[in-house]
C-alpha atoms as a PDB file:
ATOM      1  CA  MET A   1     218.290 255.019  32.727  1.00  0.00           C
ATOM      2  CA  ASN A   2     221.955 254.913  31.710  1.00  0.00           C
ATOM      3  CA  ARG A   3     224.425 252.981  33.794  1.00  0.00           C
ATOM      4  CA  PRO A   4     227.276 254.955  35.346  1.00  0.00           C
ATOM      5  CA  HIS A   5     230.401 254.852  33.230  1.00  0.00           C
ATOM      6  CA  PHE A   6     234.004 254.685  34.396  1.00  0.00           C
ATOM      7  CA  LEU A   7     237.053 255.130  32.208  1.00  0.00           C
ATOM      8  CA  PHE A   8     240.461 253.916  33.381  1.00  0.00           C
ATOM      9  CA  ARG A   9     243.371 255.492  31.560  1.00  0.00           C
ATOM     10  CA  PRO A  10     246.580 254.345  33.201  1.00  0.00           C
ATOM     11  CA  ASN A  11     249.636 256.550  33.093  1.00  0.00           C
ATOM     12  CA  MET A  12     252.199 254.081  31.790  1.00  0.00           C
ATOM     13  CA  GLN A  13     254.984 256.273  33.193  1.00  0.00           C
ATOM     14  CA  ASN A  14     253.744 255.370  36.698  1.00  0.00           C
ATOM     15  CA  GLU A  15     254.896 251.964  37.998  1.00  0.00           C
ATOM     16  CA  ASP A  16     251.699 251.449  40.057  1.00  0.00           C
ATOM     17  CA  HIS A  17     249.561 252.150  36.992  1.00  0.00           C
ATOM     18  CA  ARG A  18     251.586 249.734  34.867  1.00  0.00           C
ATOM     19  CA  ARG A  19     251.267 247.033  37.530  1.00  0.00           C
ATOM     20  CA  ALA A  20     247.516 247.619  37.860  1.00  0.00           C
ATOM     21  CA  TRP A  21     247.157 247.468  34.074  1.00  0.00           C
ATOM     22  CA  ARG A  22     249.038 244.146  33.898  1.00  0.00           C
ATOM     23  CA  LEU A  23     246.817 242.684  36.619  1.00  0.00           C
ATOM     24  CA  LEU A  24     243.665 243.908  34.898  1.00  0.00           C
ATOM     25  CA  GLN A  25     244.782 242.381  31.599  1.00  0.00           C
ATOM     26  CA  GLU A  26     244.971 238.962  33.299  1.00  0.00           C
ATOM     27  CA  VAL A  27     241.269 239.125  34.207  1.00  0.00           C
ATOM     28  CA  PRO A  28     239.066 237.361  31.637  1.00  0.00           C
ATOM     29  CA  GLU A  29     236.779 239.501  29.498  1.00  0.00           C
ATOM     30  CA  GLY A  30     233.356 239.829  31.071  1.00  0.00           C
ATOM     31  CA  GLN A  31     234.816 239.635  34.582  1.00  0.00           C
ATOM     32  CA  LYS A  32     236.693 242.937  34.723  1.00  0.00           C
ATOM     33  CA  SER A  33     233.843 244.917  36.305  1.00  0.00           C
ATOM     34  CA  ALA A  34     233.395 242.325  39.048  1.00  0.00           C
ATOM     35  CA  PHE A  35     237.173 242.304  39.599  1.00  0.00           C
ATOM     36  CA  ILE A  36     237.286 246.091  39.975  1.00  0.00           C
ATOM     37  CA  VAL A  37     234.271 246.064  42.317  1.00  0.00           C
ATOM     38  CA  ARG A  38     235.921 243.420  44.531  1.00  0.00           C
ATOM     39  CA  ALA A  39     239.203 245.352  44.557  1.00  0.00           C
ATOM     40  CA  ILE A  40     237.482 248.594  45.597  1.00  0.00           C
ATOM     41  CA  LEU A  41     235.423 246.889  48.301  1.00  0.00           C
ATOM     42  CA  GLN A  42     238.460 245.012  49.620  1.00  0.00           C
ATOM     43  CA  MET A  43     240.447 248.251  49.831  1.00  0.00           C
ATOM     44  CA  ASP A  44     237.576 249.900  51.702  1.00  0.00           C
ATOM     45  CA  GLN A  45     237.350 246.977  54.126  1.00  0.00           C
ATOM     46  CA  GLU A  46     241.110 247.034  54.720  1.00  0.00           C
ATOM     47  CA  ASP A  47     240.971 250.782  55.409  1.00  0.00           C
ATOM     48  CA  ARG A  48     238.139 250.308  57.916  1.00  0.00           C
ATOM     49  CA  LEU A  49     239.937 247.406  59.612  1.00  0.00           C
ATOM     50  CA  GLU A  50     243.147 249.436  59.836  1.00  0.00           C
ATOM     51  CA  THR A  51     241.263 252.340  61.416  1.00  0.00           C
ATOM     52  CA  MET A  52     239.612 250.013  63.924  1.00  0.00           C
ATOM     53  CA  LEU A  53     242.908 248.286  64.743  1.00  0.00           C
ATOM     54  CA  ARG A  54     244.657 251.615  65.288  1.00  0.00           C
ATOM     55  CA  ARG A  55     241.848 252.707  67.621  1.00  0.00           C
ATOM     56  CA  VAL A  56     242.040 249.454  69.618  1.00  0.00           C
ATOM     57  CA  LEU A  57     245.828 249.659  69.876  1.00  0.00           C
ATOM     58  CA  ARG A  58     245.621 253.299  70.978  1.00  0.00           C
ATOM     59  CA  GLU A  59     243.064 252.389  73.652  1.00  0.00           C
ATOM     60  CA  GLU A  60     245.223 249.458  74.780  1.00  0.00           C
ATOM     61  CA  GLN A  61     248.266 251.708  74.963  1.00  0.00           C
ATOM     62  CA  ILE A  62     246.320 254.146  77.138  1.00  0.00           C
ATOM     63  CA  THR A  63     245.186 251.284  79.394  1.00  0.00           C
ATOM     64  CA  VAL A  64     248.716 249.867  79.709  1.00  0.00           C
ATOM     65  CA  SER A  65     250.150 253.332  80.361  1.00  0.00           C
ATOM     66  CA  GLY A  66     247.545 253.895  83.061  1.00  0.00           C
ATOM     67  CA  GLN A  67     248.420 250.589  84.731  1.00  0.00           C
ATOM     68  CA  LYS A  68     252.121 251.450  84.801  1.00  0.00           C
ATOM     69  CA  ASP A  69     251.378 254.739  86.569  1.00  0.00           C
ATOM     70  CA  THR A  70     249.449 253.005  89.356  1.00  0.00           C
ATOM     71  CA  ALA A  71     252.066 250.297  89.956  1.00  0.00           C
END
Protein backbone atom coordinates (compact mmCIF):
# COMPACT_ATOMS: atom_id res chain seq x y z
CA MET A 1 0.00 0.00 0.00
CA ASN A 2 1.36 3.42 -0.95
CA ARG A 3 1.60 6.14 1.65
CA PRO A 4 -0.42 9.29 1.03
CA HIS A 5 1.64 12.00 -0.62
CA PHE A 6 1.48 15.74 -0.03
CA LEU A 7 3.21 18.37 -2.12
CA PHE A 8 3.74 21.88 -0.75
CA ARG A 9 4.40 24.49 -3.40
CA PRO A 10 4.52 27.89 -1.73
CA ASN A 11 3.55 30.97 -3.68
CA MET A 12 6.57 33.16 -3.01
CA GLN A 13 4.50 36.23 -3.89
CA ASN A 14 2.44 35.59 -0.73
CA GLU A 15 4.04 36.80 2.52
CA ASP A 16 2.44 33.99 4.59
CA HIS A 17 3.80 31.39 2.18
CA ARG A 18 7.28 32.91 2.30
CA ARG A 19 7.20 32.94 6.10
CA ALA A 20 5.98 29.34 6.24
CA TRP A 21 8.71 28.32 3.80
CA ARG A 22 11.41 30.00 5.92
CA LEU A 23 10.14 28.22 9.04
CA LEU A 24 10.03 24.87 7.26
CA GLN A 25 13.60 25.33 6.01
CA GLU A 26 14.77 25.67 9.64
CA VAL A 27 13.44 22.19 10.47
CA PRO A 28 16.13 19.51 10.19
CA GLU A 29 15.83 16.97 7.39
CA GLY A 30 13.95 13.89 8.53
CA GLN A 31 11.82 15.93 10.94
CA LYS A 32 9.74 17.94 8.47
CA SER A 33 6.82 15.50 8.37
CA ALA A 34 6.58 15.43 12.16
CA PHE A 35 6.79 19.24 12.21
CA ILE A 36 3.94 19.58 9.71
CA VAL A 37 1.83 17.02 11.60
CA ARG A 38 2.33 18.91 14.88
CA ALA A 39 1.49 22.23 13.20
CA ILE A 40 -1.74 20.85 11.72
CA LEU A 41 -2.81 19.23 14.99
CA GLN A 42 -1.98 22.37 16.97
CA MET A 43 -4.05 24.50 14.59
CA ASP A 44 -6.95 22.07 14.93
CA GLN A 45 -6.70 22.14 18.73
CA GLU A 46 -6.58 25.95 18.75
CA ASP A 47 -9.66 26.09 16.52
CA ARG A 48 -11.56 23.72 18.83
CA LEU A 49 -10.49 25.66 21.93
CA GLU A 50 -11.54 28.95 20.32
CA THR A 51 -14.95 27.49 19.46
CA MET A 52 -15.39 26.21 23.01
CA LEU A 53 -14.27 29.52 24.52
CA ARG A 54 -16.68 31.47 22.32
CA ARG A 55 -19.52 29.16 23.38
CA VAL A 56 -18.67 29.56 27.08
CA LEU A 57 -18.41 33.34 26.77
CA ARG A 58 -21.72 33.49 24.90
CA GLU A 59 -23.39 31.40 27.61
CA GLU A 60 -21.84 33.60 30.32
CA GLN A 61 -23.05 36.72 28.54
CA ILE A 62 -26.57 35.28 28.43
CA THR A 63 -26.38 34.44 32.14
CA VAL A 64 -25.08 37.91 33.07
CA SER A 65 -27.70 39.58 30.87
CA GLY A 66 -30.41 37.51 32.54
CA GLN A 67 -29.19 38.52 36.00
CA LYS A 68 -29.25 42.21 35.09
CA ASP A 69 -32.88 41.93 33.98
CA THR A 70 -33.97 40.44 37.31
CA ALA A 71 -32.13 43.01 39.45
